[in-house]
């Protein structure tokens, strides 16, 4: 059971990384540091959007629009961190 706990924590770490990478890349694209007309950048952006959109979509349905500010990544990060805390506090159930 300990391996299940570690796998869940690893998946949450990977999700955390994808959310941070998506946010940073969106900033770089919006500030025109990265250009989506470059094939490599476009492929990474498309891939990150395909991974993150199923997570962000339910959050965006609940949170009202904030005038151009997307709070879905922030809520997703808080959710991932909350799940990590819950798993860590209940780690004894996995041993």
PDB file of N, CA and C in Angstrom:
ATOM      1  N   UNK A   1       0.806  -1.197   0.000  1.00  0.00           N
ATOM      2  CA  UNK A   1       0.000   0.000   0.000  1.00  0.00           C
ATOM      3  C   UNK A   1       0.852   1.265   0.000  1.00  0.00           C
ATOM      4  N   UNK A   2       2.056   1.158   0.530  1.00  0.00           N
ATOM      5  CA  UNK A   2       2.927   2.337   0.549  1.00  0.00           C
ATOM      6  C   UNK A   2       3.257   2.767  -0.874  1.00  0.00           C
ATOM      7  N   UNK A   3       3.399   1.804  -1.781  1.00  0.00           N
ATOM      8  CA  UNK A   3       3.705   2.160  -3.162  1.00  0.00           C
ATOM      9  C   UNK A   3       2.539   2.925  -3.796  1.00  0.00           C
ATOM     10  N   UNK A   4       1.300   2.590  -3.437  1.00  0.00           N
ATOM     11  CA  UNK A   4       0.147   3.333  -3.931  1.00  0.00           C
ATOM     12  C   UNK A   4       0.193   4.783  -3.464  1.00  0.00           C
ATOM     13  N   UNK A   5       0.546   4.978  -2.203  1.00  0.00           N
ATOM     14  CA  UNK A   5       0.685   6.328  -1.655  1.00  0.00           C
ATOM     15  C   UNK A   5       1.749   7.111  -2.424  1.00  0.00           C
ATOM     16  N   UNK A   6       2.891   6.494  -2.666  1.00  0.00           N
ATOM     17  CA  UNK A   6       3.974   7.175  -3.374  1.00  0.00           C
ATOM     18  C   UNK A   6       3.597   7.469  -4.819  1.00  0.00           C
ATOM     19  N   UNK A   7       2.863   6.568  -5.466  1.00  0.00           N
ATOM     20  CA  UNK A   7       2.424   6.804  -6.844  1.00  0.00           C
ATOM     21  C   UNK A   7       1.451   7.979  -6.893  1.00  0.00           C
ATOM     22  N   UNK A   8       0.525   8.036  -5.937  1.00  0.00           N
ATOM     23  CA  UNK A   8      -0.415   9.161  -5.883  1.00  0.00           C
ATOM     24  C   UNK A   8       0.313  10.478  -5.656  1.00  0.00           C
ATOM     25  N   UNK A   9       1.288  10.475  -4.784  1.00  0.00           N
ATOM     26  CA  UNK A   9       2.061  11.701  -4.535  1.00  0.00           C
ATOM     27  C   UNK A   9       2.853  12.103  -5.780  1.00  0.00           C
ATOM     28  N   UNK A  10       3.408  11.123  -6.491  1.00  0.00           N
ATOM     29  CA  UNK A  10       4.134  11.412  -7.729  1.00  0.00           C
ATOM     30  C   UNK A  10       3.205  12.014  -8.772  1.00  0.00           C
ATOM     31  N   UNK A  11       2.009  11.458  -8.931  1.00  0.00           N
ATOM     32  CA  UNK A  11       1.060  11.997  -9.898  1.00  0.00           C
ATOM     33  C   UNK A  11       0.650  13.418  -9.552  1.00  0.00           C
ATOM     34  N   UNK A  12       0.490  13.699  -8.267  1.00  0.00           N
ATOM     35  CA  UNK A  12       0.173  15.068  -7.848  1.00  0.00           C
ATOM     36  C   UNK A  12       1.340  16.012  -8.116  1.00  0.00           C
ATOM     37  N   UNK A  13       2.569  15.535  -7.938  1.00  0.00           N
ATOM     38  CA  UNK A  13       3.745  16.359  -8.256  1.00  0.00           C
ATOM     39  C   UNK A  13       3.819  16.661  -9.749  1.00  0.00           C
ATOM     40  N   UNK A  14       3.521  15.668 -10.576  1.00  0.00           N
ATOM     41  CA  UNK A  14       3.546  15.870 -12.030  1.00  0.00           C
ATOM     42  C   UNK A  14       2.453  16.860 -12.434  1.00  0.00           C
ATOM     43  N   UNK A  15       1.277  16.713 -11.854  1.00  0.00           N
ATOM     44  CA  UNK A  15       0.189  17.650 -12.143  1.00  0.00           C
ATOM     45  C   UNK A  15       0.563  19.065 -11.720  1.00  0.00           C
ATOM     46  N   UNK A  16       1.184  19.194 -10.547  1.00  0.00           N
ATOM     47  CA  UNK A  16       1.659  20.492 -10.066  1.00  0.00           C
ATOM     48  C   UNK A  16       2.624  21.115 -11.085  1.00  0.00           C
ATOM     49  N   UNK A  17       3.565  20.308 -11.596  1.00  0.00           N
ATOM     50  CA  UNK A  17       4.530  20.792 -12.584  1.00  0.00           C
ATOM     51  C   UNK A  17       3.825  21.250 -13.861  1.00  0.00           C
ATOM     52  N   UNK A  18       2.848  20.469 -14.346  1.00  0.00           N
ATOM     53  CA  UNK A  18       2.137  20.836 -15.568  1.00  0.00           C
ATOM     54  C   UNK A  18       1.377  22.143 -15.389  1.00  0.00           C
ATOM     55  N   UNK A  19       0.759  22.345 -14.239  1.00  0.00           N
ATOM     56  CA  UNK A  19       0.022  23.585 -13.999  1.00  0.00           C
ATOM     57  C   UNK A  19       0.974  24.773 -14.000  1.00  0.00           C
ATOM     58  N   UNK A  20       2.097  24.650 -13.292  1.00  0.00           N
ATOM     59  CA  UNK A  20       3.089  25.740 -13.252  1.00  0.00           C
ATOM     60  C   UNK A  20       3.646  26.010 -14.646  1.00  0.00           C
ATOM     61  N   UNK A  21       3.973  24.949 -15.388  1.00  0.00           N
ATOM     62  CA  UNK A  21       4.500  25.126 -16.746  1.00  0.00           C
ATOM     63  C   UNK A  21       3.472  25.800 -17.645  1.00  0.00           C
ATOM     64  N   UNK A  22       2.218  25.440 -17.504  1.00  0.00           N
ATOM     65  CA  UNK A  22       1.157  26.047 -18.323  1.00  0.00           C
ATOM     66  C   UNK A  22       1.006  27.528 -18.009  1.00  0.00           C
ATOM     67  N   UNK A  23       1.027  27.865 -16.730  1.00  0.00           N
ATOM     68  CA  UNK A  23       0.889  29.275 -16.332  1.00  0.00           C
ATOM     69  C   UNK A  23       2.077  30.094 -16.840  1.00  0.00           C
ATOM     70  N   UNK A  24       3.283  29.595 -16.642  1.00  0.00           N
ATOM     71  CA  UNK A  24       4.474  30.334 -17.082  1.00  0.00           C
ATOM     72  C   UNK A  24       4.488  30.480 -18.595  1.00  0.00           C
ATOM     73  N   UNK A  25       4.127  29.404 -19.296  1.00  0.00           N
ATOM     74  CA  UNK A  25       4.126  29.489 -20.755  1.00  0.00           C
ATOM     75  C   UNK A  25       3.051  30.458 -21.249  1.00  0.00           C
ATOM     76  N   UNK A  26       1.903  30.500 -20.584  1.00  0.00           N
ATOM     77  CA  UNK A  26       0.870  31.460 -21.003  1.00  0.00           C
ATOM     78  C   UNK A  26       1.348  32.889 -20.794  1.00  0.00           C
ATOM     79  N   UNK A  27       2.070  33.141 -19.706  1.00  0.00           N
ATOM     80  CA  UNK A  27       2.626  34.475 -19.498  1.00  0.00           C
ATOM     81  C   UNK A  27       3.635  34.813 -20.579  1.00  0.00           C
ATOM     82  N   UNK A  28       4.523  33.883 -20.896  1.00  0.00           N
ATOM     83  CA  UNK A  28       5.547  34.140 -21.918  1.00  0.00           C
ATOM     84  C   UNK A  28       4.921  34.376 -23.289  1.00  0.00           C
ATOM     85  N   UNK A  29       3.843  33.679 -23.580  1.00  0.00           N
ATOM     86  CA  UNK A  29       3.157  33.896 -24.859  1.00  0.00           C
ATOM     87  C   UNK A  29       2.445  35.241 -24.854  1.00  0.00           C
ATOM     88  N   UNK A  30       1.791  35.590 -23.757  1.00  0.00           N
ATOM     89  CA  UNK A  30       1.072  36.868 -23.694  1.00  0.00           C
ATOM     90  C   UNK A  30       2.010  38.058 -23.719  1.00  0.00           C
ATOM     91  N   UNK A  31       3.203  37.930 -23.162  1.00  0.00           N
ATOM     92  CA  UNK A  31       4.182  39.016 -23.194  1.00  0.00           C
ATOM     93  C   UNK A  31       5.079  38.943 -24.415  1.00  0.00           C
ATOM     94  N   UNK A  32       4.738  38.085 -25.360  1.00  0.00           N
ATOM     95  CA  UNK A  32       5.413  37.928 -26.646  1.00  0.00           C
ATOM     96  C   UNK A  32       6.881  37.572 -26.519  1.00  0.00           C
ATOM     97  N   UNK A  33       7.196  36.829 -25.486  1.00  0.00           N
ATOM     98  CA  UNK A  33       8.547  36.271 -25.366  1.00  0.00           C
ATOM     99  C   UNK A  33       8.622  35.002 -26.205  1.00  0.00           C
ATOM    100  N   UNK A  34       7.539  34.228 -26.188  1.00  0.00           N
ATOM    101  CA  UNK A  34       7.427  33.041 -27.029  1.00  0.00           C
ATOM    102  C   UNK A  34       6.431  33.313 -28.136  1.00  0.00           C
ATOM    103  N   UNK A  35       6.683  32.716 -29.285  1.00  0.00           N
ATOM    104  CA  UNK A  35       5.835  32.912 -30.446  1.00  0.00           C
ATOM    105  C   UNK A  35       5.199  31.570 -30.803  1.00  0.00           C
ATOM    106  N   UNK A  36       3.879  31.514 -30.824  1.00  0.00           N
ATOM    107  CA  UNK A  36       3.206  30.250 -31.134  1.00  0.00           C
ATOM    108  C   UNK A  36       3.283  29.892 -32.617  1.00  0.00           C
ATOM    109  N   UNK A  37       3.841  30.765 -33.443  1.00  0.00           N
ATOM    110  CA  UNK A  37       4.046  30.411 -34.840  1.00  0.00           C
ATOM    111  C   UNK A  37       5.259  29.506 -35.019  1.00  0.00           C
ATOM    112  N   UNK A  38       6.078  29.415 -33.993  1.00  0.00           N
ATOM    113  CA  UNK A  38       7.167  28.439 -34.030  1.00  0.00           C
ATOM    114  C   UNK A  38       6.581  27.073 -33.725  1.00  0.00           C
ATOM    115  N   UNK A  39       6.941  26.094 -34.527  1.00  0.00           N
ATOM    116  CA  UNK A  39       6.296  24.791 -34.439  1.00  0.00           C
ATOM    117  C   UNK A  39       6.507  24.130 -33.079  1.00  0.00           C
ATOM    118  N   UNK A  40       7.708  24.190 -32.545  1.00  0.00           N
ATOM    119  CA  UNK A  40       8.009  23.546 -31.265  1.00  0.00           C
ATOM    120  C   UNK A  40       7.195  24.171 -30.124  1.00  0.00           C
ATOM    121  N   UNK A  41       7.152  25.492 -30.101  1.00  0.00           N
ATOM    122  CA  UNK A  41       6.386  26.200 -29.070  1.00  0.00           C
ATOM    123  C   UNK A  41       4.902  25.884 -29.222  1.00  0.00           C
ATOM    124  N   UNK A  42       4.415  25.863 -30.440  1.00  0.00           N
ATOM    125  CA  UNK A  42       2.998  25.579 -30.680  1.00  0.00           C
ATOM    126  C   UNK A  42       2.639  24.165 -30.239  1.00  0.00           C
ATOM    127  N   UNK A  43       3.519  23.201 -30.482  1.00  0.00           N
ATOM    128  CA  UNK A  43       3.245  21.823 -30.073  1.00  0.00           C
ATOM    129  C   UNK A  43       3.200  21.684 -28.558  1.00  0.00           C
ATOM    130  N   UNK A  44       4.136  22.321 -27.876  1.00  0.00           N
ATOM    131  CA  UNK A  44       4.137  22.262 -26.411  1.00  0.00           C
ATOM    132  C   UNK A  44       2.889  22.944 -25.865  1.00  0.00           C
ATOM    133  N   UNK A  45       2.544  24.097 -26.409  1.00  0.00           N
ATOM    134  CA  UNK A  45       1.359  24.830 -25.949  1.00  0.00           C
ATOM    135  C   UNK A  45       0.086  24.019 -26.201  1.00  0.00           C
ATOM    136  N   UNK A  46      -0.010  23.416 -27.363  1.00  0.00           N
ATOM    137  CA  UNK A  46      -1.173  22.598 -27.688  1.00  0.00           C
ATOM    138  C   UNK A  46      -1.257  21.397 -26.738  1.00  0.00           C
ATOM    139  N   UNK A  47      -0.132  20.755 -26.477  1.00  0.00           N
ATOM    140  CA  UNK A  47      -0.107  19.607 -25.572  1.00  0.00           C
ATOM    141  C   UNK A  47      -0.495  19.981 -24.152  1.00  0.00           C
ATOM    142  N   UNK A  48       0.044  21.088 -23.651  1.00  0.00           N
ATOM    143  CA  UNK A  48      -0.309  21.532 -22.301  1.00  0.00           C
ATOM    144  C   UNK A  48      -1.785  21.902 -22.203  1.00  0.00           C
ATOM    145  N   UNK A  49      -2.312  22.536 -23.240  1.00  0.00           N
ATOM    146  CA  UNK A  49      -3.733  22.878 -23.234  1.00  0.00           C
ATOM    147  C   UNK A  49      -4.601  21.622 -23.238  1.00  0.00           C
ATOM    148  N   UNK A  50      -4.203  20.608 -23.988  1.00  0.00           N
ATOM    149  CA  UNK A  50      -4.974  19.357 -24.022  1.00  0.00           C
ATOM    150  C   UNK A  50      -4.928  18.644 -22.683  1.00  0.00           C
ATOM    151  N   UNK A  51      -3.815  18.741 -21.987  1.00  0.00           N
ATOM    152  CA  UNK A  51      -3.703  18.102 -20.673  1.00  0.00           C
ATOM    153  C   UNK A  51      -4.482  18.877 -19.619  1.00  0.00           C
ATOM    154  N   UNK A  52      -4.382  20.190 -19.638  1.00  0.00           N
ATOM    155  CA  UNK A  52      -4.923  21.003 -18.547  1.00  0.00           C
ATOM    156  C   UNK A  52      -6.394  21.385 -18.717  1.00  0.00           C
ATOM    157  N   UNK A  53      -6.894  21.426 -19.925  1.00  0.00           N
ATOM    158  CA  UNK A  53      -8.273  21.884 -20.131  1.00  0.00           C
ATOM    159  C   UNK A  53      -9.314  21.008 -19.429  1.00  0.00           C
ATOM    160  N   UNK A  54      -9.176  19.681 -19.397  1.00  0.00           N
ATOM    161  CA  UNK A  54     -10.161  18.889 -18.640  1.00  0.00           C
ATOM    162  C   UNK A  54     -10.153  19.193 -17.138  1.00  0.00           C
ATOM    163  N   UNK A  55      -9.060  19.713 -16.633  1.00  0.00           N
ATOM    164  CA  UNK A  55      -8.986  20.087 -15.220  1.00  0.00           C
ATOM    165  C   UNK A  55      -9.552  21.491 -15.015  1.00  0.00           C
ATOM    166  N   UNK A  56      -9.231  22.399 -15.924  1.00  0.00           N
ATOM    167  CA  UNK A  56      -9.670  23.787 -15.780  1.00  0.00           C
ATOM    168  C   UNK A  56     -11.154  23.990 -16.096  1.00  0.00           C
ATOM    169  N   UNK A  57     -11.709  23.221 -17.029  1.00  0.00           N
ATOM    170  CA  UNK A  57     -13.089  23.454 -17.487  1.00  0.00           C
ATOM    171  C   UNK A  57     -14.117  23.387 -16.356  1.00  0.00           C
ATOM    172  N   UNK A  58     -14.096  22.358 -15.487  1.00  0.00           N
ATOM    173  CA  UNK A  58     -15.086  22.355 -14.397  1.00  0.00           C
ATOM    174  C   UNK A  58     -14.888  23.513 -13.419  1.00  0.00           C
ATOM    175  N   UNK A  59     -13.640  23.911 -13.229  1.00  0.00           N
ATOM    176  CA  UNK A  59     -13.357  25.028 -12.324  1.00  0.00           C
ATOM    177  C   UNK A  59     -13.895  26.322 -12.922  1.00  0.00           C
ATOM    178  N   UNK A  60     -13.709  26.496 -14.227  1.00  0.00           N
ATOM    179  CA  UNK A  60     -14.186  27.715 -14.893  1.00  0.00           C
ATOM    180  C   UNK A  60     -15.702  27.810 -14.900  1.00  0.00           C
ATOM    181  N   UNK A  61     -16.396  26.666 -14.871  1.00  0.00           N
ATOM    182  CA  UNK A  61     -17.860  26.706 -14.816  1.00  0.00           C
ATOM    183  C   UNK A  61     -18.351  27.201 -13.465  1.00  0.00           C
ATOM    184  N   UNK A  62     -17.568  26.958 -12.408  1.00  0.00           N
ATOM    185  CA  UNK A  62     -17.980  27.347 -11.061  1.00  0.00           C
ATOM    186  C   UNK A  62     -17.573  28.784 -10.743  1.00  0.00           C
ATOM    187  N   UNK A  63     -16.350  29.153 -11.119  1.00  0.00           N
ATOM    188  CA  UNK A  63     -15.828  30.488 -10.817  1.00  0.00           C
ATOM    189  C   UNK A  63     -16.339  31.486 -11.848  1.00  0.00           C
ATOM    190  N   UNK A  64     -16.886  32.606 -11.411  1.00  0.00           N
ATOM    191  CA  UNK A  64     -17.358  33.610 -12.382  1.00  0.00           C
ATOM    192  C   UNK A  64     -16.169  34.288 -13.078  1.00  0.00           C
ATOM    193  N   UNK A  65     -16.379  34.819 -14.283  1.00  0.00           N
ATOM    194  CA  UNK A  65     -15.308  35.532 -14.987  1.00  0.00           C
ATOM    195  C   UNK A  65     -14.821  36.727 -14.160  1.00  0.00           C
ATOM    196  N   UNK A  66     -13.524  36.949 -14.163  1.00  0.00           N
ATOM    197  CA  UNK A  66     -12.930  38.015 -13.355  1.00  0.00           C
ATOM    198  C   UNK A  66     -12.325  39.111 -14.227  1.00  0.00           C
ATOM    199  N   UNK A  67     -12.921  39.401 -15.342  1.00  0.00           N
ATOM    200  CA  UNK A  67     -12.446  40.497 -16.182  1.00  0.00           C
ATOM    201  C   UNK A  67     -11.116  40.211 -16.857  1.00  0.00           C
ATOM    202  N   UNK A  68     -10.986  39.043 -17.440  1.00  0.00           N
ATOM    203  CA  UNK A  68      -9.767  38.702 -18.160  1.00  0.00           C
ATOM    204  C   UNK A  68      -8.741  37.953 -17.347  1.00  0.00           C
ATOM    205  N   UNK A  69      -8.959  37.785 -16.065  1.00  0.00           N
ATOM    206  CA  UNK A  69      -8.031  37.044 -15.212  1.00  0.00           C
ATOM    207  C   UNK A  69      -8.588  35.645 -15.031  1.00  0.00           C
ATOM    208  N   UNK A  70      -7.777  34.645 -15.369  1.00  0.00           N
ATOM    209  CA  UNK A  70      -8.197  33.253 -15.240  1.00  0.00           C
ATOM    210  C   UNK A  70      -7.682  32.709 -13.910  1.00  0.00           C
ATOM    211  N   UNK A  71      -8.603  32.450 -13.000  1.00  0.00           N
ATOM    212  CA  UNK A  71      -8.238  31.936 -11.686  1.00  0.00           C
ATOM    213  C   UNK A  71      -8.258  30.416 -11.614  1.00  0.00           C
ATOM    214  N   UNK A  72      -8.601  29.745 -12.709  1.00  0.00           N
ATOM    215  CA  UNK A  72      -8.676  28.287 -12.717  1.00  0.00           C
ATOM    216  C   UNK A  72      -7.334  27.639 -12.356  1.00  0.00           C
ATOM    217  N   UNK A  73      -6.192  28.105 -12.874  1.00  0.00           N
ATOM    218  CA  UNK A  73      -4.932  27.481 -12.461  1.00  0.00           C
ATOM    219  C   UNK A  73      -4.644  27.644 -10.965  1.00  0.00           C
ATOM    220  N   UNK A  74      -4.984  28.789 -10.413  1.00  0.00           N
ATOM    221  CA  UNK A  74      -4.765  29.008  -8.984  1.00  0.00           C
ATOM    222  C   UNK A  74      -5.629  28.060  -8.155  1.00  0.00           C
ATOM    223  N   UNK A  75      -6.882  27.911  -8.534  1.00  0.00           N
ATOM    224  CA  UNK A  75      -7.780  27.004  -7.817  1.00  0.00           C
ATOM    225  C   UNK A  75      -7.298  25.561  -7.970  1.00  0.00           C
ATOM    226  N   UNK A  76      -6.810  25.220  -9.167  1.00  0.00           N
ATOM    227  CA  UNK A  76      -6.294  23.867  -9.387  1.00  0.00           C
ATOM    228  C   UNK A  76      -5.057  23.614  -8.519  1.00  0.00           C
ATOM    229  N   UNK A  77      -4.165  24.592  -8.415  1.00  0.00           N
ATOM    230  CA  UNK A  77      -2.982  24.440  -7.562  1.00  0.00           C
ATOM    231  C   UNK A  77      -3.378  24.268  -6.096  1.00  0.00           C
ATOM    232  N   UNK A  78      -4.342  25.055  -5.647  1.00  0.00           N
ATOM    233  CA  UNK A  78      -4.817  24.924  -4.268  1.00  0.00           C
ATOM    234  C   UNK A  78      -5.438  23.546  -4.059  1.00  0.00           C
ATOM    235  N   UNK A  79      -6.189  23.073  -5.056  1.00  0.00           N
ATOM    236  CA  UNK A  79      -6.793  21.744  -4.967  1.00  0.00           C
ATOM    237  C   UNK A  79      -5.762  20.641  -4.900  1.00  0.00           C
ATOM    238  N   UNK A  80      -4.731  20.731  -5.740  1.00  0.00           N
ATOM    239  CA  UNK A  80      -3.658  19.724  -5.718  1.00  0.00           C
ATOM    240  C   UNK A  80      -2.955  19.741  -4.369  1.00  0.00           C
ATOM    241  N   UNK A  81      -2.682  20.917  -3.858  1.00  0.00           N
ATOM    242  CA  UNK A  81      -2.004  21.022  -2.564  1.00  0.00           C
ATOM    243  C   UNK A  81      -2.886  20.484  -1.441  1.00  0.00           C
ATOM    244  N   UNK A  82      -4.192  20.746  -1.522  1.00  0.00           N
ATOM    245  CA  UNK A  82      -5.114  20.230  -0.504  1.00  0.00           C
ATOM    246  C   UNK A  82      -5.162  18.710  -0.532  1.00  0.00           C
ATOM    247  N   UNK A  83      -5.174  18.121  -1.724  1.00  0.00           N
ATOM    248  CA  UNK A  83      -5.171  16.656  -1.827  1.00  0.00           C
ATOM    249  C   UNK A  83      -3.869  16.090  -1.275  1.00  0.00           C
ATOM    250  N   UNK A  84      -2.753  16.771  -1.538  1.00  0.00           N
ATOM    251  CA  UNK A  84      -1.468  16.319  -0.977  1.00  0.00           C
ATOM    252  C   UNK A  84      -1.501  16.343   0.547  1.00  0.00           C
ATOM    253  N   UNK A  85      -2.071  17.381   1.127  1.00  0.00           N
ATOM    254  CA  UNK A  85      -2.166  17.475   2.589  1.00  0.00           C
ATOM    255  C   UNK A  85      -3.048  16.361   3.133  1.00  0.00           C
ATOM    256  N   UNK A  86      -4.173  16.134   2.477  1.00  0.00           N
ATOM    257  CA  UNK A  86      -5.078  15.078   2.927  1.00  0.00           C
ATOM    258  C   UNK A  86      -4.389  13.716   2.855  1.00  0.00           C
ATOM    259  N   UNK A  87      -3.682  13.459   1.759  1.00  0.00           N
ATOM    260  CA  UNK A  87      -2.965  12.184   1.638  1.00  0.00           C
ATOM    261  C   UNK A  87      -1.862  12.054   2.669  1.00  0.00           C
ATOM    262  N   UNK A  88      -1.128  13.139   2.903  1.00  0.00           N
ATOM    263  CA  UNK A  88      -0.033  13.080   3.871  1.00  0.00           C
ATOM    264  C   UNK A  88      -0.555  12.870   5.283  1.00  0.00           C
ATOM    265  N   UNK A  89      -1.669  13.499   5.615  1.00  0.00           N
ATOM    266  CA  UNK A  89      -2.235  13.339   6.959  1.00  0.00           C
ATOM    267  C   UNK A  89      -2.841  11.953   7.173  1.00  0.00           C
ATOM    268  N   UNK A  90      -3.230  11.312   6.089  1.00  0.00           N
ATOM    269  CA  UNK A  90      -3.810   9.966   6.177  1.00  0.00           C
ATOM    270  C   UNK A  90      -2.864   8.901   5.640  1.00  0.00           C
ATOM    271  N   UNK A  91      -1.577   9.199   5.667  1.00  0.00           N
ATOM    272  CA  UNK A  91      -0.590   8.262   5.138  1.00  0.00           C
ATOM    273  C   UNK A  91      -0.575   6.954   5.917  1.00  0.00           C
ATOM    274  N   UNK A  92      -0.960   6.982   7.174  1.00  0.00           N
ATOM    275  CA  UNK A  92      -0.966   5.761   7.991  1.00  0.00           C
ATOM    276  C   UNK A  92      -1.946   4.732   7.432  1.00  0.00           C
ATOM    277  N   UNK A  93      -2.942   5.172   6.711  1.00  0.00           N
ATOM    278  CA  UNK A  93      -3.897   4.235   6.123  1.00  0.00           C
ATOM    279  C   UNK A  93      -3.281   3.442   4.972  1.00  0.00           C
ATOM    280  N   UNK A  94      -2.181   3.949   4.413  1.00  0.00           N
ATOM    281  CA  UNK A  94      -1.520   3.282   3.300  1.00  0.00           C
ATOM    282  C   UNK A  94      -0.459   2.291   3.776  1.00  0.00           C
ATOM    283  N   UNK A  95      -0.139   2.262   5.042  1.00  0.00           N
ATOM    284  CA  UNK A  95       0.926   1.372   5.519  1.00  0.00           C
ATOM    285  C   UNK A  95       0.358   0.120   6.130  1.00  0.00           C
TER     286      UNK A  95
END
